[in-house]
Amino acid sequence: MVTTTAPTRPRRARNTTVALKASMAVTGVIFVLFVLLHMYGNLKAFAGQEAFDGYAASLRTLLYPYLPHEGFLWIQRLVLVVALVVHFYAAVTLWARARAARGTRYIMHKRQVQTYSSRTMRWGGIIILAFIIFHLLQFTTLTINVGGTFDSPYQRLVTAFQPEHWYVYLAYLVAIVLLTMHVRHGVWSAAQTLGQNNRRRQRGLNLAAYVVAGLLLVGFMAPPTAILLGFVK
């Protein structure tokens, strides 16, 4: 007697490993561009309260009247939320598949050849997500107030990083270090996924990943450090 087995359903194209890695790469590029622009905006703190508050106010009227008041901000937020959901879903799915596909001995060997940045990608990403939520509650929704309530974004920033609030500075330092590690490995992985990495380009891409990560670390921590040390008041 001839027996037949039911054909397996093909995996949808958007759920293939290649598609998930490509999704992570594209959304990662979006995040890197955003944090670079955000870092540049934060550096306005060195120009004083008028410049920093003016920059913050300009974000609400950007592309007005072509967009409604705060229209650009809401479009940006929507894009970032969608990118975050896609990035997180792809990361969790790929991690689960990798975990199911390899045995214990392979895991032990794999961990020995991974860089520290790659080993911290998963938990570092979760900590970065928690930091983003805290950052939004502090500077966007104004739910968390450190040292008082202020209408001025500049005053809120400067007050938050006063020496008596050293724990806020420490939390930001840990989060930004993890962010730069995440970005360094992410830039490298995205280049590989998008087909830009080969033996001839490896050194340049690795250097570019470190430059972007270093730029973010210095750029993001410069204003809080200057405030903590009293150079920005």
C-alpha atoms as a PDB file:
ATOM      1  CA  MET A   1       0.000   0.000   0.000  1.00  0.00           C
ATOM      2  CA  VAL A   2       1.290   3.369  -0.974  1.00  0.00           C
ATOM      3  CA  THR A   3       1.142   6.030   1.685  1.00  0.00           C
ATOM      4  CA  THR A   4       1.349   9.696   1.078  1.00  0.00           C
ATOM      5  CA  THR A   5       2.310  12.430   3.440  1.00  0.00           C
ATOM      6  CA  ALA A   6       0.703  15.804   3.510  1.00  0.00           C
ATOM      7  CA  PRO A   7       2.899  18.437   1.885  1.00  0.00           C
ATOM      8  CA  THR A   8       4.468  20.832   4.291  1.00  0.00           C
ATOM      9  CA  ARG A   9       3.348  24.400   4.010  1.00  0.00           C
ATOM     10  CA  PRO A  10       6.109  26.618   2.626  1.00  0.00           C
ATOM     11  CA  ARG A  11       7.355  29.250   5.025  1.00  0.00           C
ATOM     12  CA  ARG A  12       6.145  32.683   4.101  1.00  0.00           C
ATOM     13  CA  ALA A  13       8.814  34.799   2.460  1.00  0.00           C
ATOM     14  CA  ARG A  14       8.623  37.487   5.142  1.00  0.00           C
ATOM     15  CA  ASN A  15       9.349  34.900   7.845  1.00  0.00           C
ATOM     16  CA  THR A  16      12.465  33.409   6.275  1.00  0.00           C
ATOM     17  CA  THR A  17      15.756  33.882   8.070  1.00  0.00           C
ATOM     18  CA  VAL A  18      17.078  36.013   5.211  1.00  0.00           C
ATOM     19  CA  ALA A  19      14.013  38.276   5.309  1.00  0.00           C
ATOM     20  CA  LEU A  20      14.208  38.632   9.090  1.00  0.00           C
ATOM     21  CA  LYS A  21      17.901  39.524   8.959  1.00  0.00           C
ATOM     22  CA  ALA A  22      17.213  42.045   6.211  1.00  0.00           C
ATOM     23  CA  SER A  23      14.418  43.554   8.323  1.00  0.00           C
ATOM     24  CA  MET A  24      16.801  43.909  11.254  1.00  0.00           C
ATOM     25  CA  ALA A  25      19.407  45.521   9.025  1.00  0.00           C
ATOM     26  CA  VAL A  26      17.030  48.068   7.476  1.00  0.00           C
ATOM     27  CA  THR A  27      15.390  49.006  10.784  1.00  0.00           C
ATOM     28  CA  GLY A  28      18.850  49.188  12.356  1.00  0.00           C
ATOM     29  CA  VAL A  29      19.913  51.732   9.731  1.00  0.00           C
ATOM     30  CA  ILE A  30      16.819  53.794  10.578  1.00  0.00           C
ATOM     31  CA  PHE A  31      17.747  53.745  14.268  1.00  0.00           C
ATOM     32  CA  VAL A  32      21.373  54.705  13.631  1.00  0.00           C
ATOM     33  CA  LEU A  33      20.354  57.690  11.491  1.00  0.00           C
ATOM     34  CA  PHE A  34      17.880  58.788  14.149  1.00  0.00           C
ATOM     35  CA  VAL A  35      20.327  58.562  17.066  1.00  0.00           C
ATOM     36  CA  LEU A  36      22.967  60.464  15.086  1.00  0.00           C
ATOM     37  CA  LEU A  37      20.504  63.302  14.462  1.00  0.00           C
ATOM     38  CA  HIS A  38      19.322  63.160  18.070  1.00  0.00           C
ATOM     39  CA  MET A  39      22.936  63.328  19.271  1.00  0.00           C
ATOM     40  CA  TYR A  40      23.571  66.384  17.095  1.00  0.00           C
ATOM     41  CA  GLY A  41      20.513  68.098  18.550  1.00  0.00           C
ATOM     42  CA  ASN A  42      21.675  67.408  22.106  1.00  0.00           C
ATOM     43  CA  LEU A  43      24.951  69.193  21.384  1.00  0.00           C
ATOM     44  CA  LYS A  44      22.925  72.411  21.103  1.00  0.00           C
ATOM     45  CA  ALA A  45      23.133  72.470  24.915  1.00  0.00           C
ATOM     46  CA  PHE A  46      26.662  73.897  24.552  1.00  0.00           C
ATOM     47  CA  ALA A  47      25.170  76.916  22.756  1.00  0.00           C
ATOM     48  CA  GLY A  48      23.019  77.864  25.765  1.00  0.00           C
ATOM     49  CA  GLN A  49      19.377  77.820  26.766  1.00  0.00           C
ATOM     50  CA  GLU A  50      18.039  79.938  23.918  1.00  0.00           C
ATOM     51  CA  ALA A  51      19.660  77.756  21.255  1.00  0.00           C
ATOM     52  CA  PHE A  52      18.632  74.464  22.874  1.00  0.00           C
ATOM     53  CA  ASP A  53      15.055  75.522  23.580  1.00  0.00           C
ATOM     54  CA  GLY A  54      14.804  76.975  20.076  1.00  0.00           C
ATOM     55  CA  TYR A  55      15.957  73.680  18.607  1.00  0.00           C
ATOM     56  CA  ALA A  56      13.386  71.759  20.693  1.00  0.00           C
ATOM     57  CA  ALA A  57      10.613  74.137  19.602  1.00  0.00           C
ATOM     58  CA  SER A  58      11.621  73.896  15.935  1.00  0.00           C
ATOM     59  CA  LEU A  59      10.970  70.158  15.950  1.00  0.00           C
ATOM     60  CA  ARG A  60       7.300  70.857  16.611  1.00  0.00           C
ATOM     61  CA  THR A  61       6.998  73.185  13.622  1.00  0.00           C
ATOM     62  CA  LEU A  62       9.282  71.317  11.221  1.00  0.00           C
ATOM     63  CA  LEU A  63       7.810  71.293   7.658  1.00  0.00           C
ATOM     64  CA  TYR A  64       4.876  73.474   8.812  1.00  0.00           C
ATOM     65  CA  PRO A  65       2.529  74.438   7.123  1.00  0.00           C
ATOM     66  CA  TYR A  66       2.995  71.480   4.771  1.00  0.00           C
ATOM     67  CA  LEU A  67       2.432  69.303   7.825  1.00  0.00           C
ATOM     68  CA  PRO A  68       0.234  70.103  10.842  1.00  0.00           C
ATOM     69  CA  HIS A  69       1.777  71.392  14.056  1.00  0.00           C
ATOM     70  CA  GLU A  70       3.914  68.546  15.461  1.00  0.00           C
ATOM     71  CA  GLY A  71       3.056  66.549  12.320  1.00  0.00           C
ATOM     72  CA  PHE A  72       6.685  65.700  11.590  1.00  0.00           C
ATOM     73  CA  LEU A  73       7.231  64.522  15.171  1.00  0.00           C
ATOM     74  CA  TRP A  74       4.256  62.171  15.013  1.00  0.00           C
ATOM     75  CA  ILE A  75       5.337  60.754  11.649  1.00  0.00           C
ATOM     76  CA  GLN A  76       8.806  60.212  13.080  1.00  0.00           C
ATOM     77  CA  ARG A  77       7.392  58.515  16.162  1.00  0.00           C
ATOM     78  CA  LEU A  78       5.196  56.237  14.061  1.00  0.00           C
ATOM     79  CA  VAL A  79       8.110  55.200  11.849  1.00  0.00           C
ATOM     80  CA  LEU A  80      10.301  54.513  14.885  1.00  0.00           C
ATOM     81  CA  VAL A  81       7.605  52.484  16.671  1.00  0.00           C
ATOM     82  CA  VAL A  82       6.980  50.340  13.584  1.00  0.00           C
ATOM     83  CA  ALA A  83      10.727  49.887  13.109  1.00  0.00           C
ATOM     84  CA  LEU A  84      11.117  48.950  16.771  1.00  0.00           C
ATOM     85  CA  VAL A  85       8.360  46.324  16.595  1.00  0.00           C
ATOM     86  CA  VAL A  86       9.832  44.811  13.414  1.00  0.00           C
ATOM     87  CA  HIS A  87      13.369  44.881  14.845  1.00  0.00           C
ATOM     88  CA  PHE A  88      12.326  43.270  18.126  1.00  0.00           C
ATOM     89  CA  TYR A  89      10.193  40.605  16.440  1.00  0.00           C
ATOM     90  CA  ALA A  90      12.985  39.694  14.016  1.00  0.00           C
ATOM     91  CA  ALA A  91      15.584  39.571  16.815  1.00  0.00           C
ATOM     92  CA  VAL A  92      13.477  37.310  19.056  1.00  0.00           C
ATOM     93  CA  THR A  93      12.515  35.016  16.178  1.00  0.00           C
ATOM     94  CA  LEU A  94      16.095  34.634  14.948  1.00  0.00           C
ATOM     95  CA  TRP A  95      17.357  34.015  18.477  1.00  0.00           C
ATOM     96  CA  ALA A  96      14.727  31.323  19.053  1.00  0.00           C
ATOM     97  CA  ARG A  97      15.578  29.600  15.765  1.00  0.00           C
ATOM     98  CA  ALA A  98      19.301  29.701  16.473  1.00  0.00           C
ATOM     99  CA  ARG A  99      18.770  28.309  19.958  1.00  0.00           C
ATOM    100  CA  ALA A 100      16.616  25.462  18.657  1.00  0.00           C
ATOM    101  CA  ALA A 101      19.020  24.609  15.840  1.00  0.00           C
ATOM    102  CA  ARG A 102      22.225  24.117  17.812  1.00  0.00           C
ATOM    103  CA  GLY A 103      23.287  21.797  20.590  1.00  0.00           C
ATOM    104  CA  THR A 104      24.993  22.548  23.881  1.00  0.00           C
ATOM    105  CA  ARG A 105      28.501  21.759  22.645  1.00  0.00           C
ATOM    106  CA  TYR A 106      28.076  24.082  19.690  1.00  0.00           C
ATOM    107  CA  ILE A 107      26.924  26.862  21.984  1.00  0.00           C
ATOM    108  CA  MET A 108      30.028  26.504  24.150  1.00  0.00           C
ATOM    109  CA  HIS A 109      32.283  26.730  21.093  1.00  0.00           C
ATOM    110  CA  LYS A 110      30.341  29.598  19.554  1.00  0.00           C
ATOM    111  CA  ARG A 111      30.574  31.747  22.650  1.00  0.00           C
ATOM    112  CA  GLN A 112      34.354  31.532  22.579  1.00  0.00           C
ATOM    113  CA  VAL A 113      34.607  33.134  19.141  1.00  0.00           C
ATOM    114  CA  GLN A 114      31.965  35.806  19.563  1.00  0.00           C
ATOM    115  CA  THR A 115      32.961  39.382  20.299  1.00  0.00           C
ATOM    116  CA  TYR A 116      31.837  40.965  23.548  1.00  0.00           C
ATOM    117  CA  SER A 117      29.498  43.270  21.607  1.00  0.00           C
ATOM    118  CA  SER A 118      27.770  40.366  19.877  1.00  0.00           C
ATOM    119  CA  ARG A 119      27.353  38.474  23.174  1.00  0.00           C
ATOM    120  CA  THR A 120      25.633  41.477  24.743  1.00  0.00           C
ATOM    121  CA  MET A 121      23.361  42.281  21.790  1.00  0.00           C
ATOM    122  CA  ARG A 122      20.326  40.468  23.204  1.00  0.00           C
ATOM    123  CA  TRP A 123      20.353  41.617  26.820  1.00  0.00           C
ATOM    124  CA  GLY A 124      21.874  44.932  25.863  1.00  0.00           C
ATOM    125  CA  GLY A 125      18.937  45.509  23.534  1.00  0.00           C
ATOM    126  CA  ILE A 126      16.469  44.866  26.359  1.00  0.00           C
ATOM    127  CA  ILE A 127      18.303  47.309  28.646  1.00  0.00           C
ATOM    128  CA  ILE A 128      18.381  49.912  25.849  1.00  0.00           C
ATOM    129  CA  LEU A 129      14.620  49.474  25.376  1.00  0.00           C
ATOM    130  CA  ALA A 130      14.066  50.074  29.101  1.00  0.00           C
ATOM    131  CA  PHE A 131      16.292  53.161  28.902  1.00  0.00           C
ATOM    132  CA  ILE A 132      14.344  54.521  25.917  1.00  0.00           C
ATOM    133  CA  ILE A 133      11.116  54.212  27.907  1.00  0.00           C
ATOM    134  CA  PHE A 134      12.701  56.057  30.850  1.00  0.00           C
ATOM    135  CA  HIS A 135      14.113  58.728  28.516  1.00  0.00           C
ATOM    136  CA  LEU A 136      10.720  59.313  26.904  1.00  0.00           C
ATOM    137  CA  LEU A 137       9.008  59.553  30.287  1.00  0.00           C
ATOM    138  CA  GLN A 138      11.594  62.096  31.393  1.00  0.00           C
ATOM    139  CA  PHE A 139      11.946  64.347  28.340  1.00  0.00           C
ATOM    140  CA  THR A 140       8.908  63.706  26.126  1.00  0.00           C
ATOM    141  CA  THR A 141       5.868  62.982  28.269  1.00  0.00           C
ATOM    142  CA  LEU A 142       7.420  64.806  31.288  1.00  0.00           C
ATOM    143  CA  THR A 143       6.101  62.054  33.564  1.00  0.00           C
ATOM    144  CA  ILE A 144       9.381  61.610  35.440  1.00  0.00           C
ATOM    145  CA  ASN A 145      10.780  64.785  36.978  1.00  0.00           C
ATOM    146  CA  VAL A 146      14.318  64.928  38.325  1.00  0.00           C
ATOM    147  CA  GLY A 147      14.983  67.971  40.479  1.00  0.00           C
ATOM    148  CA  GLY A 148      11.676  69.691  39.710  1.00  0.00           C
ATOM    149  CA  THR A 149       9.318  70.491  36.856  1.00  0.00           C
ATOM    150  CA  PHE A 150      10.385  72.832  34.057  1.00  0.00           C
ATOM    151  CA  ASP A 151       8.783  74.078  30.851  1.00  0.00           C
ATOM    152  CA  SER A 152      12.236  74.715  29.402  1.00  0.00           C
ATOM    153  CA  PRO A 153      13.867  71.588  27.873  1.00  0.00           C
ATOM    154  CA  TYR A 154      17.269  73.135  28.622  1.00  0.00           C
ATOM    155  CA  GLN A 155      16.490  73.624  32.320  1.00  0.00           C
ATOM    156  CA  ARG A 156      15.106  70.083  32.531  1.00  0.00           C
ATOM    157  CA  LEU A 157      18.301  68.737  30.954  1.00  0.00           C
ATOM    158  CA  VAL A 158      20.703  70.741  33.098  1.00  0.00           C
ATOM    159  CA  THR A 159      18.855  69.984  36.333  1.00  0.00           C
ATOM    160  CA  ALA A 160      18.742  66.255  35.615  1.00  0.00           C
ATOM    161  CA  PHE A 161      22.534  65.954  35.465  1.00  0.00           C
ATOM    162  CA  GLN A 162      23.510  68.014  38.483  1.00  0.00           C
ATOM    163  CA  PRO A 163      26.059  66.311  40.801  1.00  0.00           C
ATOM    164  CA  GLU A 164      23.359  65.455  43.365  1.00  0.00           C
ATOM    165  CA  HIS A 165      21.648  63.421  40.633  1.00  0.00           C
ATOM    166  CA  TRP A 166      24.755  61.350  39.872  1.00  0.00           C
ATOM    167  CA  TYR A 167      22.634  58.207  39.584  1.00  0.00           C
ATOM    168  CA  VAL A 168      20.880  59.661  36.514  1.00  0.00           C
ATOM    169  CA  TYR A 169      24.266  60.306  34.901  1.00  0.00           C
ATOM    170  CA  LEU A 170      25.371  56.757  35.740  1.00  0.00           C
ATOM    171  CA  ALA A 171      22.194  55.278  34.249  1.00  0.00           C
ATOM    172  CA  TYR A 172      22.700  57.264  31.052  1.00  0.00           C
ATOM    173  CA  LEU A 173      26.363  56.279  30.866  1.00  0.00           C
ATOM    174  CA  VAL A 174      25.557  52.560  31.135  1.00  0.00           C
ATOM    175  CA  ALA A 175      22.755  52.860  28.566  1.00  0.00           C
ATOM    176  CA  ILE A 176      24.870  54.831  26.077  1.00  0.00           C
ATOM    177  CA  VAL A 177      27.803  52.419  26.399  1.00  0.00           C
ATOM    178  CA  LEU A 178      25.437  49.530  25.657  1.00  0.00           C
ATOM    179  CA  LEU A 179      23.940  51.523  22.786  1.00  0.00           C
ATOM    180  CA  THR A 180      27.347  52.093  21.202  1.00  0.00           C
ATOM    181  CA  MET A 181      28.211  48.408  21.554  1.00  0.00           C
ATOM    182  CA  HIS A 182      24.865  47.521  20.007  1.00  0.00           C
ATOM    183  CA  VAL A 183      25.434  49.963  17.149  1.00  0.00           C
ATOM    184  CA  ARG A 184      29.003  48.763  16.522  1.00  0.00           C
ATOM    185  CA  HIS A 185      27.942  45.163  16.111  1.00  0.00           C
ATOM    186  CA  GLY A 186      24.731  46.210  14.351  1.00  0.00           C
ATOM    187  CA  VAL A 187      26.509  48.283  11.690  1.00  0.00           C
ATOM    188  CA  TRP A 188      28.837  45.371  10.995  1.00  0.00           C
ATOM    189  CA  SER A 189      26.000  42.833  10.837  1.00  0.00           C
ATOM    190  CA  ALA A 190      23.813  45.105   8.695  1.00  0.00           C
ATOM    191  CA  ALA A 191      26.635  45.525   6.183  1.00  0.00           C
ATOM    192  CA  GLN A 192      27.008  41.753   5.978  1.00  0.00           C
ATOM    193  CA  THR A 193      23.263  41.204   5.611  1.00  0.00           C
ATOM    194  CA  LEU A 194      22.882  43.850   2.904  1.00  0.00           C
ATOM    195  CA  GLY A 195      25.739  42.364   0.913  1.00  0.00           C
ATOM    196  CA  GLN A 196      28.304  45.104   1.469  1.00  0.00           C
ATOM    197  CA  ASN A 197      30.819  42.999   3.370  1.00  0.00           C
ATOM    198  CA  ASN A 198      33.597  41.118   1.635  1.00  0.00           C
ATOM    199  CA  ARG A 199      37.282  40.467   2.269  1.00  0.00           C
ATOM    200  CA  ARG A 200      38.314  43.688   0.549  1.00  0.00           C
ATOM    201  CA  ARG A 201      35.866  45.836   2.502  1.00  0.00           C
ATOM    202  CA  GLN A 202      36.055  44.160   5.924  1.00  0.00           C
ATOM    203  CA  ARG A 203      38.663  46.471   7.415  1.00  0.00           C
ATOM    204  CA  GLY A 204      36.912  49.617   6.228  1.00  0.00           C
ATOM    205  CA  LEU A 205      33.492  48.460   7.433  1.00  0.00           C
ATOM    206  CA  ASN A 206      34.878  47.445  10.813  1.00  0.00           C
ATOM    207  CA  LEU A 207      36.551  50.839  11.135  1.00  0.00           C
ATOM    208  CA  ALA A 208      33.319  52.598  10.133  1.00  0.00           C
ATOM    209  CA  ALA A 209      31.390  50.627  12.772  1.00  0.00           C
ATOM    210  CA  TYR A 210      33.857  51.695  15.475  1.00  0.00           C
ATOM    211  CA  VAL A 211      33.825  55.321  14.291  1.00  0.00           C
ATOM    212  CA  VAL A 212      30.016  55.507  14.432  1.00  0.00           C
ATOM    213  CA  ALA A 213      29.974  53.879  17.875  1.00  0.00           C
ATOM    214  CA  GLY A 214      32.698  56.182  19.205  1.00  0.00           C
ATOM    215  CA  LEU A 215      30.968  59.250  17.777  1.00  0.00           C
ATOM    216  CA  LEU A 216      27.728  58.300  19.534  1.00  0.00           C
ATOM    217  CA  LEU A 217      29.481  57.674  22.852  1.00  0.00           C
ATOM    218  CA  VAL A 218      31.310  61.009  22.835  1.00  0.00           C
ATOM    219  CA  GLY A 219      28.427  62.983  21.363  1.00  0.00           C
ATOM    220  CA  PHE A 220      25.737  61.699  23.706  1.00  0.00           C
ATOM    221  CA  MET A 221      27.814  61.845  26.885  1.00  0.00           C
ATOM    222  CA  ALA A 222      29.476  65.223  26.234  1.00  0.00           C
ATOM    223  CA  PRO A 223      26.505  67.387  27.386  1.00  0.00           C
ATOM    224  CA  PRO A 224      25.727  65.358  30.567  1.00  0.00           C
ATOM    225  CA  THR A 225      29.440  65.252  31.466  1.00  0.00           C
ATOM    226  CA  ALA A 226      29.847  68.994  30.923  1.00  0.00           C
ATOM    227  CA  ILE A 227      26.773  69.640  33.082  1.00  0.00           C
ATOM    228  CA  LEU A 228      28.007  67.298  35.821  1.00  0.00           C
ATOM    229  CA  LEU A 229      31.384  69.056  35.896  1.00  0.00           C
ATOM    230  CA  GLY A 230      29.824  72.522  35.894  1.00  0.00           C
ATOM    231  CA  PHE A 231      30.908  73.636  32.419  1.00  0.00           C
ATOM    232  CA  VAL A 232      27.295  73.943  31.260  1.00  0.00           C
ATOM    233  CA  LYS A 233      24.945  75.726  33.643  1.00  0.00           C
END
